Amino acid sequence: MRGATFDPELEECVGEAIAEETLACGGNLFGGICVNIPYHPGWGRSQESYGEDPCLLGEMGAALIRGVRKYGVRETFCI
């Protein structure tokens, strides 16, 4: 649903909030970015993606990473 906003600034704020929560729990790694293009509707994790548009995926994924990294939290992502 966040991909439908196409609002990278808001997505960066979401990343900051995720980083704050991660640090508050004593963590330093966030493993929830999915910038994969769902080519097949049977792919079980397509709901975790921002959508099918490569530009949207890049902009939103980069914004989330920027937000998470602001607080020193690192990320893993699937491509």
N, C-alpha and C. Protein backbone atom coordinates (compact mmCIF):
# COMPACT_ATOMS: atom_id res chain seq x y z
N MET A 1 0.81 -1.19 0.00
CA MET A 1 0.00 0.00 0.00
C MET A 1 0.86 1.27 0.00
N ARG A 2 2.05 1.19 0.63
CA ARG A 2 2.89 2.39 0.67
C ARG A 2 3.38 2.76 -0.73
N GLY A 3 3.56 1.76 -1.59
CA GLY A 3 3.99 2.04 -2.96
C GLY A 3 2.98 2.88 -3.72
N ALA A 4 1.71 2.75 -3.39
CA ALA A 4 0.66 3.50 -4.08
C ALA A 4 0.75 5.00 -3.81
N THR A 5 1.42 5.39 -2.76
CA THR A 5 1.55 6.83 -2.45
C THR A 5 2.57 7.50 -3.35
N PHE A 6 3.57 6.74 -3.83
CA PHE A 6 4.71 7.28 -4.57
C PHE A 6 5.24 8.53 -3.88
N ASP A 7 5.44 8.42 -2.58
CA ASP A 7 5.91 9.53 -1.76
C ASP A 7 7.22 9.12 -1.08
N PRO A 8 8.36 9.33 -1.76
CA PRO A 8 9.64 8.93 -1.19
C PRO A 8 9.96 9.62 0.14
N GLU A 9 9.52 10.86 0.31
CA GLU A 9 9.78 11.55 1.58
C GLU A 9 9.07 10.85 2.74
N LEU A 10 7.84 10.45 2.53
CA LEU A 10 7.11 9.72 3.54
C LEU A 10 7.76 8.36 3.81
N GLU A 11 8.21 7.70 2.74
CA GLU A 11 8.85 6.40 2.89
C GLU A 11 10.16 6.52 3.67
N GLU A 12 10.87 7.62 3.49
CA GLU A 12 12.08 7.84 4.27
C GLU A 12 11.74 8.01 5.75
N CYS A 13 10.65 8.68 6.05
CA CYS A 13 10.18 8.80 7.43
C CYS A 13 9.82 7.43 8.01
N VAL A 14 9.22 6.58 7.20
CA VAL A 14 8.91 5.21 7.63
C VAL A 14 10.21 4.48 7.97
N GLY A 15 11.22 4.65 7.14
CA GLY A 15 12.53 4.04 7.40
C GLY A 15 13.14 4.52 8.70
N GLU A 16 12.99 5.81 8.98
CA GLU A 16 13.50 6.36 10.24
C GLU A 16 12.78 5.73 11.43
N ALA A 17 11.48 5.59 11.32
CA ALA A 17 10.70 4.99 12.41
C ALA A 17 11.10 3.52 12.62
N ILE A 18 11.33 2.81 11.53
CA ILE A 18 11.77 1.41 11.63
C ILE A 18 13.12 1.35 12.32
N ALA A 19 14.03 2.26 11.97
CA ALA A 19 15.35 2.28 12.59
C ALA A 19 15.26 2.57 14.08
N GLU A 20 14.43 3.52 14.46
CA GLU A 20 14.26 3.85 15.88
C GLU A 20 13.73 2.65 16.65
N GLU A 21 12.76 1.95 16.09
CA GLU A 21 12.20 0.77 16.76
C GLU A 21 13.23 -0.36 16.83
N THR A 22 14.01 -0.51 15.78
CA THR A 22 15.05 -1.55 15.77
C THR A 22 16.07 -1.30 16.87
N LEU A 23 16.52 -0.05 16.99
CA LEU A 23 17.50 0.30 18.01
C LEU A 23 16.90 0.18 19.41
N ALA A 24 15.64 0.54 19.56
CA ALA A 24 14.99 0.46 20.87
C ALA A 24 14.90 -0.99 21.35
N CYS A 25 14.86 -1.92 20.43
CA CYS A 25 14.80 -3.34 20.79
C CYS A 25 16.19 -3.96 20.89
N GLY A 26 17.22 -3.14 20.73
CA GLY A 26 18.59 -3.63 20.84
C GLY A 26 19.14 -4.22 19.56
N GLY A 27 18.46 -4.01 18.46
CA GLY A 27 18.91 -4.55 17.18
C GLY A 27 19.76 -3.57 16.40
N ASN A 28 20.33 -4.04 15.30
CA ASN A 28 21.08 -3.17 14.41
C ASN A 28 20.92 -3.56 12.95
N LEU A 29 19.95 -4.44 12.66
CA LEU A 29 19.72 -4.92 11.30
C LEU A 29 18.22 -4.97 11.02
N PHE A 30 17.84 -4.43 9.88
CA PHE A 30 16.45 -4.48 9.43
C PHE A 30 16.41 -5.33 8.17
N GLY A 31 15.62 -6.36 8.16
CA GLY A 31 15.58 -7.27 7.02
C GLY A 31 14.25 -7.26 6.31
N GLY A 32 13.79 -6.13 5.83
CA GLY A 32 12.46 -6.12 5.25
C GLY A 32 12.28 -5.34 3.98
N ILE A 33 13.33 -5.11 3.21
CA ILE A 33 13.18 -4.34 1.98
C ILE A 33 13.10 -5.32 0.82
N CYS A 34 12.08 -5.19 0.01
CA CYS A 34 11.93 -6.06 -1.16
C CYS A 34 11.77 -5.20 -2.40
N VAL A 35 12.81 -5.15 -3.21
CA VAL A 35 12.77 -4.35 -4.43
C VAL A 35 12.75 -5.25 -5.66
N ASN A 36 12.07 -6.37 -5.55
CA ASN A 36 11.95 -7.32 -6.64
C ASN A 36 10.69 -7.01 -7.44
N ILE A 37 10.77 -7.19 -8.75
CA ILE A 37 9.60 -6.98 -9.60
C ILE A 37 8.82 -8.29 -9.66
N PRO A 38 7.56 -8.29 -9.20
CA PRO A 38 6.77 -9.53 -9.19
C PRO A 38 6.25 -9.88 -10.59
N TYR A 39 7.00 -10.72 -11.29
CA TYR A 39 6.60 -11.11 -12.64
C TYR A 39 5.49 -12.14 -12.67
N HIS A 40 5.34 -12.87 -11.59
CA HIS A 40 4.37 -13.96 -11.57
C HIS A 40 3.44 -13.79 -10.38
N PRO A 41 2.12 -13.83 -10.59
CA PRO A 41 1.19 -13.62 -9.48
C PRO A 41 1.26 -14.71 -8.42
N GLY A 42 1.88 -15.85 -8.74
CA GLY A 42 2.01 -16.92 -7.77
C GLY A 42 3.18 -16.75 -6.82
N TRP A 43 4.00 -15.71 -7.07
CA TRP A 43 5.13 -15.48 -6.18
C TRP A 43 4.60 -15.11 -4.81
N GLY A 44 4.93 -15.89 -3.82
CA GLY A 44 4.32 -15.76 -2.50
C GLY A 44 4.66 -14.50 -1.75
N ARG A 45 5.70 -13.77 -2.16
CA ARG A 45 6.10 -12.58 -1.41
C ARG A 45 5.85 -11.29 -2.18
N SER A 46 5.05 -11.34 -3.22
CA SER A 46 4.83 -10.15 -4.04
C SER A 46 4.15 -9.02 -3.27
N GLN A 47 3.41 -9.36 -2.22
CA GLN A 47 2.75 -8.32 -1.43
C GLN A 47 3.76 -7.50 -0.64
N GLU A 48 5.00 -7.97 -0.52
CA GLU A 48 6.02 -7.24 0.21
C GLU A 48 6.75 -6.24 -0.68
N SER A 49 6.43 -6.23 -1.96
CA SER A 49 7.08 -5.34 -2.91
C SER A 49 6.27 -4.04 -3.03
N TYR A 50 6.89 -3.03 -3.62
CA TYR A 50 6.18 -1.76 -3.83
C TYR A 50 5.30 -1.80 -5.08
N GLY A 51 5.49 -2.75 -5.94
CA GLY A 51 4.70 -2.84 -7.16
C GLY A 51 5.52 -3.35 -8.32
N GLU A 52 5.06 -3.10 -9.53
CA GLU A 52 5.71 -3.64 -10.72
C GLU A 52 6.54 -2.62 -11.48
N ASP A 53 6.46 -1.36 -11.14
CA ASP A 53 7.17 -0.32 -11.87
C ASP A 53 8.60 -0.17 -11.37
N PRO A 54 9.59 -0.35 -12.25
CA PRO A 54 10.98 -0.27 -11.81
C PRO A 54 11.36 1.09 -11.21
N CYS A 55 10.83 2.17 -11.74
CA CYS A 55 11.11 3.50 -11.21
C CYS A 55 10.56 3.62 -9.78
N LEU A 56 9.34 3.17 -9.59
CA LEU A 56 8.71 3.19 -8.27
C LEU A 56 9.52 2.35 -7.28
N LEU A 57 9.91 1.16 -7.69
CA LEU A 57 10.70 0.28 -6.83
C LEU A 57 12.00 0.96 -6.41
N GLY A 58 12.68 1.56 -7.35
CA GLY A 58 13.96 2.21 -7.05
C GLY A 58 13.83 3.39 -6.12
N GLU A 59 12.88 4.27 -6.43
CA GLU A 59 12.71 5.48 -5.62
C GLU A 59 12.27 5.15 -4.19
N MET A 60 11.29 4.29 -4.08
CA MET A 60 10.76 3.97 -2.75
C MET A 60 11.75 3.12 -1.95
N GLY A 61 12.39 2.16 -2.60
CA GLY A 61 13.38 1.34 -1.90
C GLY A 61 14.55 2.17 -1.41
N ALA A 62 15.04 3.07 -2.25
CA ALA A 62 16.15 3.93 -1.86
C ALA A 62 15.76 4.85 -0.70
N ALA A 63 14.54 5.36 -0.73
CA ALA A 63 14.08 6.24 0.35
C ALA A 63 14.01 5.50 1.67
N LEU A 64 13.50 4.27 1.65
CA LEU A 64 13.42 3.49 2.88
C LEU A 64 14.82 3.21 3.42
N ILE A 65 15.76 2.86 2.54
CA ILE A 65 17.13 2.60 2.96
C ILE A 65 17.77 3.85 3.55
N ARG A 66 17.56 5.01 2.92
CA ARG A 66 18.10 6.26 3.47
C ARG A 66 17.58 6.49 4.89
N GLY A 67 16.30 6.28 5.08
CA GLY A 67 15.71 6.49 6.40
C GLY A 67 16.26 5.54 7.44
N VAL A 68 16.41 4.28 7.09
CA VAL A 68 16.92 3.28 8.03
C VAL A 68 18.39 3.57 8.38
N ARG A 69 19.16 3.97 7.39
CA ARG A 69 20.59 4.21 7.61
C ARG A 69 20.88 5.49 8.40
N LYS A 70 19.93 6.41 8.48
CA LYS A 70 20.15 7.65 9.22
C LYS A 70 20.55 7.40 10.67
N TYR A 71 20.07 6.30 11.22
CA TYR A 71 20.34 5.99 12.62
C TYR A 71 21.37 4.87 12.77
N GLY A 72 22.05 4.52 11.70
CA GLY A 72 23.10 3.53 11.77
C GLY A 72 22.63 2.09 11.67
N VAL A 73 21.36 1.88 11.42
CA VAL A 73 20.85 0.53 11.25
C VAL A 73 21.16 0.09 9.82
N ARG A 74 21.54 -1.14 9.65
CA ARG A 74 21.82 -1.69 8.32
C ARG A 74 20.64 -2.53 7.88
N GLU A 75 20.59 -2.81 6.58
CA GLU A 75 19.46 -3.52 6.03
C GLU A 75 19.91 -4.68 5.17
N THR A 76 19.02 -5.63 5.00
CA THR A 76 19.18 -6.66 3.99
C THR A 76 17.99 -6.49 3.06
N PHE A 77 18.16 -6.81 1.84
CA PHE A 77 17.04 -6.72 0.90
C PHE A 77 17.15 -7.79 -0.15
N CYS A 78 16.02 -8.11 -0.73
CA CYS A 78 16.03 -9.10 -1.81
C CYS A 78 15.84 -8.40 -3.14
N ILE A 79 16.50 -8.95 -4.14
CA ILE A 79 16.36 -8.42 -5.49
C ILE A 79 15.98 -9.53 -6.43
